[in-house]
């Protein structure tokens, strides 16, 4: 199955504690269908001091399920679904993602 959301995409949280917040996808966890979004779903973790890092309570992003995020439309920034289409003919034919809301290609 092709990935509808990829690392580097701008997404909008559509459900949960951070509903309405936007951010960039930092990391994908395909095996459990979760993404890490910069500045969203922040949690506090206790960290032991080591030679390279300070100890204490740190804030970091926690993974959020793919069903709770939607791709931000490149045209107007509102949530959109993702479709796939083929562009080009013959050898140059390639599968690209597009925003169903506006029809704009995402990775062209």
C-alpha atoms as a PDB file:
ATOM      1  CA  UNK A   1       0.000   0.000   0.000  1.00  0.00           C
ATOM      2  CA  UNK A   2       1.286   3.452  -0.870  1.00  0.00           C
ATOM      3  CA  UNK A   3       1.847   5.947   1.926  1.00  0.00           C
ATOM      4  CA  UNK A   4      -0.730   8.712   2.064  1.00  0.00           C
ATOM      5  CA  UNK A   5       1.295  10.663   4.635  1.00  0.00           C
ATOM      6  CA  UNK A   6       5.084  10.831   4.526  1.00  0.00           C
ATOM      7  CA  UNK A   7       7.947  12.286   6.530  1.00  0.00           C
ATOM      8  CA  UNK A   8       8.179  16.037   5.910  1.00  0.00           C
ATOM      9  CA  UNK A   9       4.453  16.549   5.192  1.00  0.00           C
ATOM     10  CA  UNK A  10       2.478  19.248   6.987  1.00  0.00           C
ATOM     11  CA  UNK A  11      -0.481  17.711   8.811  1.00  0.00           C
ATOM     12  CA  UNK A  12      -3.415  18.910  10.928  1.00  0.00           C
ATOM     13  CA  UNK A  13      -4.610  17.029  14.017  1.00  0.00           C
ATOM     14  CA  UNK A  14      -8.330  16.307  13.537  1.00  0.00           C
ATOM     15  CA  UNK A  15      -9.094  14.483  16.806  1.00  0.00           C
ATOM     16  CA  UNK A  16      -7.870  14.322  20.384  1.00  0.00           C
ATOM     17  CA  UNK A  17      -6.260  16.674  22.878  1.00  0.00           C
ATOM     18  CA  UNK A  18      -4.372  18.676  20.231  1.00  0.00           C
ATOM     19  CA  UNK A  19      -7.233  19.005  17.721  1.00  0.00           C
ATOM     20  CA  UNK A  20      -6.631  21.870  15.287  1.00  0.00           C
ATOM     21  CA  UNK A  21      -2.851  22.055  15.780  1.00  0.00           C
ATOM     22  CA  UNK A  22      -0.565  21.719  12.787  1.00  0.00           C
ATOM     23  CA  UNK A  23       2.985  20.485  12.410  1.00  0.00           C
ATOM     24  CA  UNK A  24       5.508  18.677  10.271  1.00  0.00           C
ATOM     25  CA  UNK A  25       5.829  14.881  10.313  1.00  0.00           C
ATOM     26  CA  UNK A  26       9.227  14.089  11.885  1.00  0.00           C
ATOM     27  CA  UNK A  27       9.015  10.296  11.905  1.00  0.00           C
ATOM     28  CA  UNK A  28       6.779   7.501  10.584  1.00  0.00           C
ATOM     29  CA  UNK A  29       6.047   4.260  12.455  1.00  0.00           C
ATOM     30  CA  UNK A  30       4.458   2.181   9.697  1.00  0.00           C
ATOM     31  CA  UNK A  31       4.233  -1.038  11.709  1.00  0.00           C
ATOM     32  CA  UNK A  32       1.770   0.486  14.212  1.00  0.00           C
ATOM     33  CA  UNK A  33       0.322   3.265  11.943  1.00  0.00           C
ATOM     34  CA  UNK A  34       1.595   6.185  14.001  1.00  0.00           C
ATOM     35  CA  UNK A  35       3.411   9.432  13.224  1.00  0.00           C
ATOM     36  CA  UNK A  36       5.550  11.825  15.229  1.00  0.00           C
ATOM     37  CA  UNK A  37       4.495  15.439  14.582  1.00  0.00           C
ATOM     38  CA  UNK A  38       6.730  18.370  15.594  1.00  0.00           C
ATOM     39  CA  UNK A  39       5.227  20.268  18.567  1.00  0.00           C
ATOM     40  CA  UNK A  40       2.079  18.103  18.812  1.00  0.00           C
ATOM     41  CA  UNK A  41       1.091  15.586  21.527  1.00  0.00           C
ATOM     42  CA  UNK A  42       3.821  16.761  23.905  1.00  0.00           C
ATOM     43  CA  UNK A  43       4.410  14.584  26.982  1.00  0.00           C
ATOM     44  CA  UNK A  44       6.713  14.959  29.989  1.00  0.00           C
ATOM     45  CA  UNK A  45       9.268  12.234  30.628  1.00  0.00           C
ATOM     46  CA  UNK A  46      11.715  11.725  33.489  1.00  0.00           C
ATOM     47  CA  UNK A  47      15.250  11.307  32.215  1.00  0.00           C
ATOM     48  CA  UNK A  48      18.236  10.013  34.120  1.00  0.00           C
ATOM     49  CA  UNK A  49      21.409  12.047  33.880  1.00  0.00           C
ATOM     50  CA  UNK A  50      24.144  10.653  31.645  1.00  0.00           C
ATOM     51  CA  UNK A  51      27.552  11.811  30.470  1.00  0.00           C
ATOM     52  CA  UNK A  52      26.019  13.453  27.394  1.00  0.00           C
ATOM     53  CA  UNK A  53      22.608  14.613  28.684  1.00  0.00           C
ATOM     54  CA  UNK A  54      21.272  16.508  31.667  1.00  0.00           C
ATOM     55  CA  UNK A  55      18.835  14.728  33.965  1.00  0.00           C
ATOM     56  CA  UNK A  56      15.359  15.968  34.888  1.00  0.00           C
ATOM     57  CA  UNK A  57      11.908  16.242  33.382  1.00  0.00           C
ATOM     58  CA  UNK A  58      11.926  16.796  29.626  1.00  0.00           C
ATOM     59  CA  UNK A  59       9.104  17.426  27.142  1.00  0.00           C
ATOM     60  CA  UNK A  60       9.020  15.492  23.909  1.00  0.00           C
ATOM     61  CA  UNK A  61       6.588  14.490  21.182  1.00  0.00           C
ATOM     62  CA  UNK A  62       4.671  11.234  21.501  1.00  0.00           C
ATOM     63  CA  UNK A  63       3.403   9.304  18.457  1.00  0.00           C
ATOM     64  CA  UNK A  64      -0.153   9.993  17.294  1.00  0.00           C
ATOM     65  CA  UNK A  65      -2.307   7.576  15.272  1.00  0.00           C
ATOM     66  CA  UNK A  66      -2.630   8.182  11.521  1.00  0.00           C
ATOM     67  CA  UNK A  67      -6.436   8.246  11.777  1.00  0.00           C
ATOM     68  CA  UNK A  68      -6.173  11.373  13.945  1.00  0.00           C
ATOM     69  CA  UNK A  69      -4.210  13.453  11.425  1.00  0.00           C
ATOM     70  CA  UNK A  70      -5.035  14.794   7.950  1.00  0.00           C
ATOM     71  CA  UNK A  71      -2.743  16.240   5.340  1.00  0.00           C
ATOM     72  CA  UNK A  72      -2.821  20.051   5.093  1.00  0.00           C
ATOM     73  CA  UNK A  73      -3.900  21.165   1.611  1.00  0.00           C
ATOM     74  CA  UNK A  74      -0.947  22.951  -0.078  1.00  0.00           C
ATOM     75  CA  UNK A  75      -3.345  25.562  -1.509  1.00  0.00           C
ATOM     76  CA  UNK A  76      -5.292  26.762   1.563  1.00  0.00           C
ATOM     77  CA  UNK A  77      -3.896  24.803   4.551  1.00  0.00           C
ATOM     78  CA  UNK A  78      -7.173  23.088   5.429  1.00  0.00           C
ATOM     79  CA  UNK A  79      -7.421  19.311   6.042  1.00  0.00           C
ATOM     80  CA  UNK A  80      -7.718  17.195   2.913  1.00  0.00           C
ATOM     81  CA  UNK A  81      -7.801  13.575   1.861  1.00  0.00           C
ATOM     82  CA  UNK A  82      -5.068  12.169  -0.362  1.00  0.00           C
ATOM     83  CA  UNK A  83      -5.577  10.610  -3.777  1.00  0.00           C
ATOM     84  CA  UNK A  84      -3.191   9.006  -6.252  1.00  0.00           C
ATOM     85  CA  UNK A  85      -2.885   9.511  -9.985  1.00  0.00           C
ATOM     86  CA  UNK A  86      -0.431   8.665 -12.741  1.00  0.00           C
ATOM     87  CA  UNK A  87       1.374  11.495 -14.546  1.00  0.00           C
ATOM     88  CA  UNK A  88       3.235  11.213 -17.838  1.00  0.00           C
ATOM     89  CA  UNK A  89       3.331   8.631 -20.567  1.00  0.00           C
ATOM     90  CA  UNK A  90       5.466   5.567 -21.253  1.00  0.00           C
ATOM     91  CA  UNK A  91       8.776   5.415 -19.393  1.00  0.00           C
ATOM     92  CA  UNK A  92       8.228   8.764 -17.604  1.00  0.00           C
ATOM     93  CA  UNK A  93       4.901   7.619 -16.112  1.00  0.00           C
ATOM     94  CA  UNK A  94       4.935   8.115 -12.362  1.00  0.00           C
ATOM     95  CA  UNK A  95       2.492   7.791  -9.466  1.00  0.00           C
ATOM     96  CA  UNK A  96       1.949  11.039  -7.528  1.00  0.00           C
ATOM     97  CA  UNK A  97      -0.147  12.081  -4.553  1.00  0.00           C
ATOM     98  CA  UNK A  98      -2.697  14.883  -4.885  1.00  0.00           C
ATOM     99  CA  UNK A  99      -4.985  16.773  -2.514  1.00  0.00           C
ATOM    100  CA  UNK A 100      -8.591  15.747  -3.145  1.00  0.00           C
ATOM    101  CA  UNK A 101      -9.839  19.108  -1.862  1.00  0.00           C
ATOM    102  CA  UNK A 102      -8.062  21.301  -4.430  1.00  0.00           C
ATOM    103  CA  UNK A 103      -6.576  18.845  -6.916  1.00  0.00           C
ATOM    104  CA  UNK A 104      -3.040  20.170  -6.348  1.00  0.00           C
ATOM    105  CA  UNK A 105      -0.179  17.651  -6.677  1.00  0.00           C
ATOM    106  CA  UNK A 106       1.683  17.122  -3.412  1.00  0.00           C
ATOM    107  CA  UNK A 107       4.903  15.562  -4.659  1.00  0.00           C
ATOM    108  CA  UNK A 108       5.124  16.381  -8.345  1.00  0.00           C
END
